[in-house]
N, C-alpha and C. Protein backbone atom coordinates (compact mmCIF):
# COMPACT_ATOMS: atom_id res chain seq x y z
N MET A 1 8.52 -1.01 -16.48
CA MET A 1 7.94 -1.18 -17.78
C MET A 1 7.84 0.19 -18.43
N GLN A 2 8.21 0.27 -19.65
CA GLN A 2 8.11 1.51 -20.42
C GLN A 2 7.01 1.34 -21.46
N THR A 3 6.05 2.27 -21.48
CA THR A 3 4.97 2.20 -22.47
C THR A 3 5.40 2.90 -23.75
N ALA A 4 4.78 2.50 -24.83
CA ALA A 4 5.06 3.14 -26.13
C ALA A 4 4.37 4.49 -26.19
N LEU A 5 4.80 5.30 -27.09
CA LEU A 5 4.26 6.64 -27.25
C LEU A 5 3.05 6.62 -28.20
N PRO A 6 1.81 6.62 -27.66
CA PRO A 6 0.64 6.69 -28.53
C PRO A 6 0.45 8.12 -29.06
N GLU A 7 -0.44 8.26 -30.01
CA GLU A 7 -0.62 9.56 -30.64
C GLU A 7 -1.11 10.64 -29.68
N ASP A 8 -2.07 10.31 -28.80
CA ASP A 8 -2.67 11.33 -27.96
C ASP A 8 -2.20 11.32 -26.50
N LEU A 9 -1.42 10.32 -26.10
CA LEU A 9 -0.91 10.23 -24.73
C LEU A 9 0.62 10.17 -24.76
N GLY A 10 1.24 10.63 -23.68
CA GLY A 10 2.70 10.55 -23.60
C GLY A 10 3.15 9.18 -23.11
N SER A 11 4.39 8.86 -23.36
CA SER A 11 4.98 7.63 -22.89
C SER A 11 5.18 7.69 -21.37
N GLU A 12 5.04 6.55 -20.69
CA GLU A 12 5.21 6.49 -19.24
C GLU A 12 6.09 5.31 -18.85
N ASN A 13 6.71 5.45 -17.67
CA ASN A 13 7.54 4.40 -17.10
C ASN A 13 6.90 3.96 -15.79
N PHE A 14 6.70 2.65 -15.60
CA PHE A 14 6.09 2.08 -14.40
C PHE A 14 7.09 1.18 -13.69
N GLY A 15 7.11 1.24 -12.37
CA GLY A 15 7.98 0.37 -11.60
C GLY A 15 7.31 -0.09 -10.31
N VAL A 16 7.56 -1.33 -9.89
CA VAL A 16 7.01 -1.89 -8.65
C VAL A 16 8.08 -2.75 -7.99
N LEU A 17 8.27 -2.55 -6.69
CA LEU A 17 9.14 -3.40 -5.89
C LEU A 17 8.37 -3.80 -4.64
N ARG A 18 8.22 -5.11 -4.41
CA ARG A 18 7.49 -5.62 -3.25
C ARG A 18 8.37 -6.62 -2.52
N VAL A 19 8.49 -6.48 -1.21
CA VAL A 19 9.22 -7.43 -0.38
C VAL A 19 8.33 -7.86 0.78
N ARG A 20 8.49 -9.10 1.20
CA ARG A 20 7.73 -9.63 2.33
C ARG A 20 8.60 -10.66 3.02
N ARG A 21 8.61 -10.62 4.34
CA ARG A 21 9.49 -11.50 5.11
C ARG A 21 8.75 -12.08 6.31
N GLN A 22 8.93 -13.36 6.53
CA GLN A 22 8.39 -14.01 7.71
C GLN A 22 9.23 -13.64 8.91
N VAL A 23 8.58 -13.27 10.02
CA VAL A 23 9.28 -12.92 11.25
C VAL A 23 8.59 -13.57 12.45
N ILE A 24 9.27 -13.71 13.52
CA ILE A 24 8.79 -14.21 14.81
C ILE A 24 8.27 -15.65 14.76
N ASN A 25 7.23 -15.93 13.95
CA ASN A 25 6.68 -17.28 13.85
C ASN A 25 6.21 -17.53 12.41
N PRO A 26 5.83 -18.76 12.08
CA PRO A 26 5.47 -19.08 10.69
C PRO A 26 4.24 -18.32 10.15
N ASN A 27 3.44 -17.70 11.00
CA ASN A 27 2.24 -17.01 10.55
C ASN A 27 2.32 -15.50 10.71
N THR A 28 3.51 -14.95 10.86
CA THR A 28 3.70 -13.52 11.06
C THR A 28 4.64 -12.99 9.97
N TYR A 29 4.19 -11.91 9.31
CA TYR A 29 4.95 -11.34 8.19
C TYR A 29 5.00 -9.82 8.28
N VAL A 30 6.05 -9.24 7.76
CA VAL A 30 6.13 -7.80 7.53
C VAL A 30 6.58 -7.61 6.08
N GLY A 31 6.17 -6.49 5.50
CA GLY A 31 6.51 -6.26 4.11
C GLY A 31 6.51 -4.79 3.76
N GLY A 32 6.92 -4.52 2.56
CA GLY A 32 6.94 -3.15 2.06
C GLY A 32 6.77 -3.13 0.55
N ILE A 33 6.36 -1.99 0.04
CA ILE A 33 6.16 -1.82 -1.39
C ILE A 33 6.57 -0.41 -1.80
N VAL A 34 7.12 -0.28 -2.99
CA VAL A 34 7.45 1.00 -3.59
C VAL A 34 6.96 0.94 -5.04
N THR A 35 6.21 1.95 -5.46
CA THR A 35 5.75 2.01 -6.84
C THR A 35 6.10 3.37 -7.43
N SER A 36 6.25 3.39 -8.75
CA SER A 36 6.52 4.66 -9.42
C SER A 36 5.82 4.69 -10.77
N ARG A 37 5.36 5.87 -11.12
CA ARG A 37 4.76 6.12 -12.44
C ARG A 37 5.30 7.47 -12.89
N ILE A 38 6.12 7.46 -13.91
CA ILE A 38 6.78 8.67 -14.36
C ILE A 38 6.41 8.92 -15.82
N GLY A 39 5.84 10.09 -16.07
CA GLY A 39 5.48 10.45 -17.43
C GLY A 39 6.60 11.24 -18.09
N MET A 40 6.73 11.11 -19.37
CA MET A 40 7.78 11.81 -20.10
C MET A 40 7.53 13.33 -20.14
N ALA A 41 6.30 13.75 -19.79
CA ALA A 41 5.98 15.18 -19.78
C ALA A 41 6.29 15.81 -18.42
N GLY A 42 6.92 15.04 -17.50
CA GLY A 42 7.28 15.58 -16.19
C GLY A 42 6.33 15.22 -15.07
N THR A 43 5.29 14.46 -15.35
CA THR A 43 4.37 14.03 -14.29
C THR A 43 4.99 12.85 -13.55
N TYR A 44 4.62 12.72 -12.28
CA TYR A 44 5.13 11.59 -11.49
C TYR A 44 4.15 11.23 -10.39
N ASN A 45 4.23 10.00 -9.94
CA ASN A 45 3.45 9.48 -8.83
C ASN A 45 4.29 8.38 -8.19
N PHE A 46 4.81 8.65 -7.00
CA PHE A 46 5.60 7.68 -6.25
C PHE A 46 4.82 7.30 -5.00
N ALA A 47 4.77 6.01 -4.69
CA ALA A 47 4.09 5.55 -3.48
C ALA A 47 4.98 4.55 -2.76
N TYR A 48 4.86 4.55 -1.44
CA TYR A 48 5.56 3.53 -0.65
C TYR A 48 4.65 3.12 0.48
N GLY A 49 4.83 1.93 0.97
CA GLY A 49 3.96 1.45 2.03
C GLY A 49 4.60 0.34 2.84
N LEU A 50 4.05 0.14 4.02
CA LEU A 50 4.46 -0.93 4.93
C LEU A 50 3.22 -1.71 5.32
N ASP A 51 3.39 -3.00 5.56
CA ASP A 51 2.26 -3.80 6.01
C ASP A 51 2.77 -4.93 6.88
N GLY A 52 1.86 -5.50 7.64
CA GLY A 52 2.22 -6.61 8.51
C GLY A 52 1.02 -7.44 8.89
N ILE A 53 1.27 -8.71 9.12
CA ILE A 53 0.28 -9.65 9.65
C ILE A 53 0.93 -10.30 10.87
N PHE A 54 0.30 -10.15 12.01
CA PHE A 54 0.86 -10.69 13.26
C PHE A 54 -0.12 -11.66 13.89
N ARG A 55 0.33 -12.89 14.08
CA ARG A 55 -0.50 -13.86 14.80
C ARG A 55 -0.32 -13.58 16.28
N ILE A 56 -1.38 -13.12 16.91
CA ILE A 56 -1.32 -12.74 18.32
C ILE A 56 -1.31 -13.98 19.19
N PHE A 57 -2.32 -14.82 19.02
CA PHE A 57 -2.40 -16.09 19.71
C PHE A 57 -3.51 -16.91 19.07
N GLY A 58 -3.39 -18.23 19.09
CA GLY A 58 -4.42 -19.09 18.52
C GLY A 58 -4.76 -18.72 17.09
N ASP A 59 -6.04 -18.41 16.87
CA ASP A 59 -6.53 -18.04 15.55
C ASP A 59 -6.68 -16.53 15.38
N ASP A 60 -6.17 -15.73 16.31
CA ASP A 60 -6.33 -14.27 16.28
C ASP A 60 -5.14 -13.59 15.61
N TYR A 61 -5.46 -12.68 14.70
CA TYR A 61 -4.44 -11.96 13.93
C TYR A 61 -4.69 -10.47 13.98
N LEU A 62 -3.61 -9.72 13.90
CA LEU A 62 -3.65 -8.27 13.80
C LEU A 62 -2.92 -7.90 12.51
N LYS A 63 -3.59 -7.13 11.64
CA LYS A 63 -2.99 -6.72 10.37
C LYS A 63 -2.97 -5.19 10.29
N PHE A 64 -1.96 -4.66 9.61
CA PHE A 64 -1.93 -3.23 9.35
C PHE A 64 -1.39 -2.98 7.95
N HIS A 65 -1.83 -1.89 7.35
CA HIS A 65 -1.34 -1.42 6.06
C HIS A 65 -1.21 0.09 6.16
N TRP A 66 -0.11 0.62 5.68
CA TRP A 66 0.09 2.07 5.64
C TRP A 66 0.79 2.41 4.34
N ALA A 67 0.27 3.41 3.64
CA ALA A 67 0.89 3.84 2.39
C ALA A 67 0.82 5.35 2.28
N GLN A 68 1.81 5.93 1.64
CA GLN A 68 1.85 7.37 1.39
C GLN A 68 2.38 7.58 -0.01
N LEU A 69 1.93 8.65 -0.66
CA LEU A 69 2.42 8.90 -2.00
C LEU A 69 2.87 10.34 -2.17
N PHE A 70 3.65 10.53 -3.21
CA PHE A 70 4.12 11.84 -3.63
C PHE A 70 3.75 11.99 -5.10
N GLU A 71 3.12 13.12 -5.41
CA GLU A 71 2.59 13.32 -6.75
C GLU A 71 2.86 14.75 -7.21
N ASP A 72 3.01 14.92 -8.51
CA ASP A 72 3.32 16.25 -9.04
C ASP A 72 2.18 17.24 -8.89
N SER A 73 0.93 16.78 -8.78
CA SER A 73 -0.21 17.68 -8.75
C SER A 73 -0.67 18.10 -7.35
N VAL A 74 0.01 17.64 -6.28
CA VAL A 74 -0.36 18.01 -4.91
C VAL A 74 0.88 18.46 -4.15
N GLU A 75 0.65 19.19 -3.05
CA GLU A 75 1.76 19.60 -2.20
C GLU A 75 2.26 18.38 -1.43
N ASN A 76 3.53 18.08 -1.54
CA ASN A 76 4.10 16.88 -0.93
C ASN A 76 4.79 17.21 0.38
N LYS A 77 4.32 16.57 1.45
CA LYS A 77 4.92 16.70 2.77
C LYS A 77 5.29 15.31 3.26
N THR A 78 6.43 15.19 3.90
CA THR A 78 6.89 13.89 4.36
C THR A 78 5.94 13.29 5.40
N VAL A 79 5.44 14.09 6.30
CA VAL A 79 4.51 13.61 7.33
C VAL A 79 3.17 14.31 7.12
N SER A 80 2.26 13.62 6.44
CA SER A 80 0.93 14.18 6.17
C SER A 80 -0.05 13.03 5.99
N LEU A 81 -1.28 13.20 6.48
CA LEU A 81 -2.31 12.19 6.30
C LEU A 81 -3.10 12.39 5.01
N LEU A 82 -2.94 13.53 4.34
CA LEU A 82 -3.72 13.79 3.13
C LEU A 82 -3.39 12.84 1.99
N PRO A 83 -2.11 12.56 1.71
CA PRO A 83 -1.82 11.60 0.64
C PRO A 83 -1.55 10.19 1.18
N SER A 84 -2.23 9.79 2.26
CA SER A 84 -1.94 8.52 2.92
C SER A 84 -3.18 7.65 3.06
N ARG A 85 -2.95 6.36 3.24
CA ARG A 85 -4.01 5.41 3.57
C ARG A 85 -3.50 4.53 4.71
N ILE A 86 -4.34 4.37 5.72
CA ILE A 86 -4.01 3.57 6.90
C ILE A 86 -5.15 2.58 7.13
N ASN A 87 -4.79 1.34 7.45
CA ASN A 87 -5.79 0.32 7.71
C ASN A 87 -5.30 -0.57 8.85
N PHE A 88 -6.15 -0.77 9.85
CA PHE A 88 -5.89 -1.71 10.93
C PHE A 88 -7.00 -2.75 10.90
N ASN A 89 -6.65 -4.01 11.18
CA ASN A 89 -7.61 -5.09 11.10
C ASN A 89 -7.31 -6.11 12.18
N ARG A 90 -8.35 -6.53 12.88
CA ARG A 90 -8.25 -7.59 13.89
C ARG A 90 -9.22 -8.67 13.46
N GLU A 91 -8.73 -9.91 13.38
CA GLU A 91 -9.62 -10.98 12.92
C GLU A 91 -9.31 -12.30 13.60
N ARG A 92 -10.31 -13.16 13.60
CA ARG A 92 -10.15 -14.53 14.06
C ARG A 92 -10.44 -15.43 12.86
N ARG A 93 -9.44 -16.20 12.47
CA ARG A 93 -9.56 -17.11 11.33
C ARG A 93 -9.83 -18.51 11.86
N THR A 94 -11.03 -18.98 11.69
CA THR A 94 -11.38 -20.30 12.19
C THR A 94 -12.54 -20.89 11.38
N VAL A 95 -12.59 -22.21 11.33
CA VAL A 95 -13.72 -22.90 10.70
C VAL A 95 -14.49 -23.71 11.74
N GLU A 96 -13.97 -23.80 12.95
CA GLU A 96 -14.59 -24.63 13.98
C GLU A 96 -15.43 -23.85 14.98
N SER A 97 -15.23 -22.54 15.10
CA SER A 97 -16.02 -21.76 16.05
C SER A 97 -16.32 -20.40 15.44
N VAL A 98 -16.66 -19.44 16.25
CA VAL A 98 -17.04 -18.11 15.78
C VAL A 98 -15.80 -17.32 15.35
N GLY A 99 -15.85 -16.78 14.17
CA GLY A 99 -14.79 -15.91 13.68
C GLY A 99 -15.29 -14.48 13.60
N TYR A 100 -14.39 -13.55 13.47
CA TYR A 100 -14.77 -12.14 13.33
C TYR A 100 -13.71 -11.41 12.53
N ASP A 101 -14.09 -10.24 12.07
CA ASP A 101 -13.18 -9.40 11.29
C ASP A 101 -13.58 -7.95 11.54
N LEU A 102 -12.73 -7.22 12.24
CA LEU A 102 -12.97 -5.81 12.56
C LEU A 102 -11.91 -4.97 11.86
N SER A 103 -12.34 -3.94 11.14
CA SER A 103 -11.40 -3.09 10.40
C SER A 103 -11.65 -1.63 10.67
N LEU A 104 -10.57 -0.87 10.63
CA LEU A 104 -10.61 0.58 10.74
C LEU A 104 -9.70 1.13 9.66
N SER A 105 -10.23 1.95 8.76
CA SER A 105 -9.47 2.47 7.63
C SER A 105 -9.65 3.97 7.50
N ARG A 106 -8.62 4.60 6.94
CA ARG A 106 -8.70 6.03 6.63
C ARG A 106 -7.88 6.29 5.37
N SER A 107 -8.52 6.91 4.39
CA SER A 107 -7.83 7.35 3.18
C SER A 107 -7.88 8.86 3.13
N GLY A 108 -6.74 9.48 2.95
CA GLY A 108 -6.68 10.93 2.83
C GLY A 108 -7.24 11.39 1.49
N ARG A 109 -7.64 12.64 1.41
CA ARG A 109 -8.28 13.14 0.19
C ARG A 109 -7.33 13.18 -1.00
N ASP A 110 -6.03 13.23 -0.76
CA ASP A 110 -5.04 13.27 -1.85
C ASP A 110 -4.43 11.91 -2.15
N PHE A 111 -4.99 10.84 -1.56
CA PHE A 111 -4.43 9.50 -1.81
C PHE A 111 -4.94 9.00 -3.15
N ASN A 112 -4.05 8.93 -4.12
CA ASN A 112 -4.37 8.53 -5.49
C ASN A 112 -3.20 7.71 -6.04
N PRO A 113 -3.14 6.42 -5.70
CA PRO A 113 -2.00 5.62 -6.18
C PRO A 113 -2.04 5.51 -7.70
N GLY A 114 -1.01 5.97 -8.35
CA GLY A 114 -0.97 6.05 -9.80
C GLY A 114 -1.01 4.70 -10.50
N ILE A 115 -0.56 3.65 -9.83
CA ILE A 115 -0.57 2.32 -10.43
C ILE A 115 -1.74 1.51 -9.92
N GLY A 116 -2.30 1.88 -8.79
CA GLY A 116 -3.46 1.19 -8.27
C GLY A 116 -3.21 0.31 -7.06
N PHE A 117 -1.97 0.14 -6.66
CA PHE A 117 -1.67 -0.67 -5.48
C PHE A 117 -1.93 0.12 -4.21
């Protein structure tokens, strides 16, 4: 999407690509996302991420999300936790017995997704 040029802000270009695929069994998925925000003044914010939902057994699931970004205002390194977000989640989805949801997340200080995903 290309935004119009307002009086006090520059024009920007936004892009999003999301894919998700069922694997192994009907309740297991892996996916990926790529986003971009490019300003006409030379600013940029690119993000990419991977995620998955794995049915371990019965009603138990393991989920993960990982994303990293590259931005014009920070030092960009291919392998760095500063512009990254990581999330692991273990849960039991049930209506008949006891369920639970345990999560562990970490967002780096430079993680600033320009589009919000």
